[in-house]
Amino acid sequence: MKLLLALLIATGAAAPAPAAAPSPNGTWRNAANSVHVRVAPCPRARATLCGTVIWANAKAKADVAARGGALVGEQLFRDFVREDDGLWYGQVYVPDLARTFSGTLDLDGPDRLVGEGCLLGSFGCRQQVWTRLKK
């Protein structure tokens, strides 16, 4: 046993590193394929994730423009932090309402992201499923 251990140390062999936790980083589309969001570390707090609209169809852009805003470039997911339960917690901005709500992101498989936002606690919650376009 000591010989095997010495051989492993001498050859630089080590135990495999634990696999990194799955990450929602990448580009996602909503179910209607009307909005694409890029999820990446937030610019000001690298330990958090943000999701920014990088593309929207004409109708989605017009709906937000009618309220005086722009959709492309808007940060929909803000300051999400992964907790021990595997969910990401942060703020969800809803451009149609021009309001921000508490929310979660759940990576449900490698190519399915479930976002949920609630008005207050667990009251008035809405879910949206996002499908990965590319990593």
C-alpha atoms as a PDB file:
ATOM      1  CA  MET A   1       0.000   0.000   0.000  1.00  0.00           C
ATOM      2  CA  LYS A   2       2.817   2.415   0.904  1.00  0.00           C
ATOM      3  CA  LEU A   3       4.512   1.589  -2.392  1.00  0.00           C
ATOM      4  CA  LEU A   4       1.312   2.336  -4.334  1.00  0.00           C
ATOM      5  CA  LEU A   5       0.851   5.626  -2.498  1.00  0.00           C
ATOM      6  CA  ALA A   6       4.474   6.603  -3.130  1.00  0.00           C
ATOM      7  CA  LEU A   7       4.085   5.694  -6.803  1.00  0.00           C
ATOM      8  CA  LEU A   8       0.925   7.796  -7.122  1.00  0.00           C
ATOM      9  CA  ILE A   9       2.599  10.781  -5.491  1.00  0.00           C
ATOM     10  CA  ALA A  10       5.741  10.390  -7.605  1.00  0.00           C
ATOM     11  CA  THR A  11       3.782  10.242 -10.869  1.00  0.00           C
ATOM     12  CA  GLY A  12       1.591  13.196  -9.942  1.00  0.00           C
ATOM     13  CA  ALA A  13      -1.603  11.137  -9.993  1.00  0.00           C
ATOM     14  CA  ALA A  14      -4.360  12.531  -7.865  1.00  0.00           C
ATOM     15  CA  ALA A  15      -7.949  11.739  -7.089  1.00  0.00           C
ATOM     16  CA  PRO A  16     -10.314  13.158  -9.670  1.00  0.00           C
ATOM     17  CA  ALA A  17     -11.634  16.603  -8.820  1.00  0.00           C
ATOM     18  CA  PRO A  18     -15.297  16.711  -7.880  1.00  0.00           C
ATOM     19  CA  ALA A  19     -17.566  17.646 -10.769  1.00  0.00           C
ATOM     20  CA  ALA A  20     -18.575  21.291 -10.856  1.00  0.00           C
ATOM     21  CA  ALA A  21     -22.211  22.008 -10.050  1.00  0.00           C
ATOM     22  CA  PRO A  22     -24.314  22.398 -13.184  1.00  0.00           C
ATOM     23  CA  SER A  23     -24.606  25.999 -14.249  1.00  0.00           C
ATOM     24  CA  PRO A  24     -27.335  27.858 -16.104  1.00  0.00           C
ATOM     25  CA  ASN A  25     -24.670  29.896 -17.936  1.00  0.00           C
ATOM     26  CA  GLY A  26     -25.498  30.071 -21.634  1.00  0.00           C
ATOM     27  CA  THR A  27     -28.167  31.312 -24.013  1.00  0.00           C
ATOM     28  CA  TRP A  28     -31.810  30.404 -23.453  1.00  0.00           C
ATOM     29  CA  ARG A  29     -35.109  30.938 -25.301  1.00  0.00           C
ATOM     30  CA  ASN A  30     -38.558  31.166 -23.802  1.00  0.00           C
ATOM     31  CA  ALA A  31     -41.308  28.693 -24.790  1.00  0.00           C
ATOM     32  CA  ALA A  32     -42.720  31.042 -27.456  1.00  0.00           C
ATOM     33  CA  ASN A  33     -39.212  31.666 -28.841  1.00  0.00           C
ATOM     34  CA  SER A  34     -39.953  35.371 -28.619  1.00  0.00           C
ATOM     35  CA  VAL A  35     -37.082  36.258 -26.265  1.00  0.00           C
ATOM     36  CA  HIS A  36     -33.499  34.988 -25.934  1.00  0.00           C
ATOM     37  CA  VAL A  37     -31.572  35.589 -22.709  1.00  0.00           C
ATOM     38  CA  ARG A  38     -27.856  35.157 -22.047  1.00  0.00           C
ATOM     39  CA  VAL A  39     -27.147  33.980 -18.503  1.00  0.00           C
ATOM     40  CA  ALA A  40     -23.653  34.796 -17.242  1.00  0.00           C
ATOM     41  CA  PRO A  41     -21.900  36.125 -14.132  1.00  0.00           C
ATOM     42  CA  CYS A  42     -23.186  39.575 -13.211  1.00  0.00           C
ATOM     43  CA  PRO A  43     -20.853  42.427 -14.187  1.00  0.00           C
ATOM     44  CA  ARG A  44     -20.555  43.933 -10.709  1.00  0.00           C
ATOM     45  CA  ALA A  45     -20.756  40.776  -8.563  1.00  0.00           C
ATOM     46  CA  ARG A  46     -19.051  37.835 -10.272  1.00  0.00           C
ATOM     47  CA  ALA A  47     -20.402  35.324  -7.723  1.00  0.00           C
ATOM     48  CA  THR A  48     -23.946  36.017  -8.901  1.00  0.00           C
ATOM     49  CA  LEU A  49     -25.715  35.295 -12.182  1.00  0.00           C
ATOM     50  CA  CYS A  50     -27.647  37.700 -14.367  1.00  0.00           C
ATOM     51  CA  GLY A  51     -29.730  37.097 -17.469  1.00  0.00           C
ATOM     52  CA  THR A  52     -29.801  39.770 -20.177  1.00  0.00           C
ATOM     53  CA  VAL A  53     -32.069  39.874 -23.219  1.00  0.00           C
ATOM     54  CA  ILE A  54     -29.914  39.544 -26.334  1.00  0.00           C
ATOM     55  CA  TRP A  55     -32.731  39.095 -28.880  1.00  0.00           C
ATOM     56  CA  ALA A  56     -36.494  39.590 -29.032  1.00  0.00           C
ATOM     57  CA  ASN A  57     -39.011  39.327 -31.831  1.00  0.00           C
ATOM     58  CA  ALA A  58     -40.862  42.394 -33.078  1.00  0.00           C
ATOM     59  CA  LYS A  59     -44.015  41.732 -31.026  1.00  0.00           C
ATOM     60  CA  ALA A  60     -42.117  41.301 -27.755  1.00  0.00           C
ATOM     61  CA  LYS A  61     -40.138  44.500 -28.405  1.00  0.00           C
ATOM     62  CA  ALA A  62     -43.330  46.393 -29.310  1.00  0.00           C
ATOM     63  CA  ASP A  63     -45.122  45.237 -26.133  1.00  0.00           C
ATOM     64  CA  VAL A  64     -42.351  46.680 -23.963  1.00  0.00           C
ATOM     65  CA  ALA A  65     -41.885  49.792 -26.129  1.00  0.00           C
ATOM     66  CA  ALA A  66     -45.588  50.597 -25.617  1.00  0.00           C
ATOM     67  CA  ARG A  67     -44.754  51.034 -21.933  1.00  0.00           C
ATOM     68  CA  GLY A  68     -41.798  53.267 -22.760  1.00  0.00           C
ATOM     69  CA  GLY A  69     -39.009  50.726 -22.387  1.00  0.00           C
ATOM     70  CA  ALA A  70     -36.581  48.718 -24.467  1.00  0.00           C
ATOM     71  CA  LEU A  71     -36.384  44.935 -24.213  1.00  0.00           C
ATOM     72  CA  VAL A  72     -33.044  44.034 -25.801  1.00  0.00           C
ATOM     73  CA  GLY A  73     -30.308  44.767 -23.283  1.00  0.00           C
ATOM     74  CA  GLU A  74     -32.700  44.558 -20.328  1.00  0.00           C
ATOM     75  CA  GLN A  75     -31.543  42.416 -17.419  1.00  0.00           C
ATOM     76  CA  LEU A  76     -34.422  40.025 -16.617  1.00  0.00           C
ATOM     77  CA  PHE A  77     -32.572  37.885 -14.050  1.00  0.00           C
ATOM     78  CA  ARG A  78     -30.708  39.880 -11.435  1.00  0.00           C
ATOM     79  CA  ASP A  79     -28.169  38.844  -8.797  1.00  0.00           C
ATOM     80  CA  PHE A  80     -29.032  35.139  -8.621  1.00  0.00           C
ATOM     81  CA  VAL A  81     -27.084  33.127  -6.041  1.00  0.00           C
ATOM     82  CA  ARG A  82     -27.032  29.323  -5.845  1.00  0.00           C
ATOM     83  CA  GLU A  83     -28.153  27.945  -2.500  1.00  0.00           C
ATOM     84  CA  ASP A  84     -27.597  24.526  -0.918  1.00  0.00           C
ATOM     85  CA  ASP A  85     -30.926  23.232  -2.272  1.00  0.00           C
ATOM     86  CA  GLY A  86     -29.577  23.607  -5.838  1.00  0.00           C
ATOM     87  CA  LEU A  87     -31.892  26.503  -6.731  1.00  0.00           C
ATOM     88  CA  TRP A  88     -30.686  29.956  -7.709  1.00  0.00           C
ATOM     89  CA  TYR A  89     -32.375  32.841  -5.822  1.00  0.00           C
ATOM     90  CA  GLY A  90     -32.532  36.434  -6.983  1.00  0.00           C
ATOM     91  CA  GLN A  91     -34.751  39.046  -8.604  1.00  0.00           C
ATOM     92  CA  VAL A  92     -36.830  38.670 -11.774  1.00  0.00           C
ATOM     93  CA  TYR A  93     -37.673  41.792 -13.761  1.00  0.00           C
ATOM     94  CA  VAL A  94     -40.930  41.613 -15.749  1.00  0.00           C
ATOM     95  CA  PRO A  95     -40.722  44.243 -18.512  1.00  0.00           C
ATOM     96  CA  ASP A  96     -44.436  44.086 -19.363  1.00  0.00           C
ATOM     97  CA  LEU A  97     -45.211  45.185 -15.800  1.00  0.00           C
ATOM     98  CA  ALA A  98     -42.036  47.241 -15.249  1.00  0.00           C
ATOM     99  CA  ARG A  99     -41.696  45.503 -11.859  1.00  0.00           C
ATOM    100  CA  THR A 100     -39.170  43.293 -10.101  1.00  0.00           C
ATOM    101  CA  PHE A 101     -40.107  40.225  -8.068  1.00  0.00           C
ATOM    102  CA  SER A 102     -38.300  37.648  -5.949  1.00  0.00           C
ATOM    103  CA  GLY A 103     -37.616  34.555  -7.974  1.00  0.00           C
ATOM    104  CA  THR A 104     -35.827  31.282  -8.456  1.00  0.00           C
ATOM    105  CA  LEU A 105     -34.069  29.552 -11.308  1.00  0.00           C
ATOM    106  CA  ASP A 106     -34.015  25.756 -11.381  1.00  0.00           C
ATOM    107  CA  LEU A 107     -31.731  23.970 -13.830  1.00  0.00           C
ATOM    108  CA  ASP A 108     -34.006  21.010 -14.614  1.00  0.00           C
ATOM    109  CA  GLY A 109     -31.612  19.004 -16.784  1.00  0.00           C
ATOM    110  CA  PRO A 110     -28.844  20.342 -19.007  1.00  0.00           C
ATOM    111  CA  ASP A 111     -31.156  22.160 -21.441  1.00  0.00           C
ATOM    112  CA  ARG A 112     -34.197  23.171 -19.370  1.00  0.00           C
ATOM    113  CA  LEU A 113     -34.285  26.156 -17.034  1.00  0.00           C
ATOM    114  CA  VAL A 114     -37.404  26.852 -14.987  1.00  0.00           C
ATOM    115  CA  GLY A 115     -37.785  30.417 -13.764  1.00  0.00           C
ATOM    116  CA  GLU A 116     -40.355  31.347 -11.179  1.00  0.00           C
ATOM    117  CA  GLY A 117     -41.289  34.729  -9.772  1.00  0.00           C
ATOM    118  CA  CYS A 118     -43.739  35.497  -6.968  1.00  0.00           C
ATOM    119  CA  LEU A 119     -45.519  38.683  -5.941  1.00  0.00           C
ATOM    120  CA  LEU A 120     -45.132  38.081  -2.208  1.00  0.00           C
ATOM    121  CA  GLY A 121     -43.684  34.967  -0.603  1.00  0.00           C
ATOM    122  CA  SER A 122     -45.321  32.123  -2.509  1.00  0.00           C
ATOM    123  CA  PHE A 123     -48.389  34.146  -3.532  1.00  0.00           C
ATOM    124  CA  GLY A 124     -49.109  35.000  -7.156  1.00  0.00           C
ATOM    125  CA  CYS A 125     -46.294  32.890  -8.589  1.00  0.00           C
ATOM    126  CA  ARG A 126     -45.696  32.401 -12.311  1.00  0.00           C
ATOM    127  CA  GLN A 127     -43.342  29.992 -14.005  1.00  0.00           C
ATOM    128  CA  GLN A 128     -41.587  30.202 -17.332  1.00  0.00           C
ATOM    129  CA  VAL A 129     -39.611  27.400 -18.955  1.00  0.00           C
ATOM    130  CA  TRP A 130     -36.489  28.289 -20.922  1.00  0.00           C
ATOM    131  CA  THR A 131     -34.699  25.972 -23.363  1.00  0.00           C
ATOM    132  CA  ARG A 132     -30.941  26.142 -23.868  1.00  0.00           C
ATOM    133  CA  LEU A 133     -29.806  27.382 -27.280  1.00  0.00           C
ATOM    134  CA  LYS A 134     -26.064  27.081 -26.698  1.00  0.00           C
ATOM    135  CA  LYS A 135     -23.582  26.983 -23.857  1.00  0.00           C
END
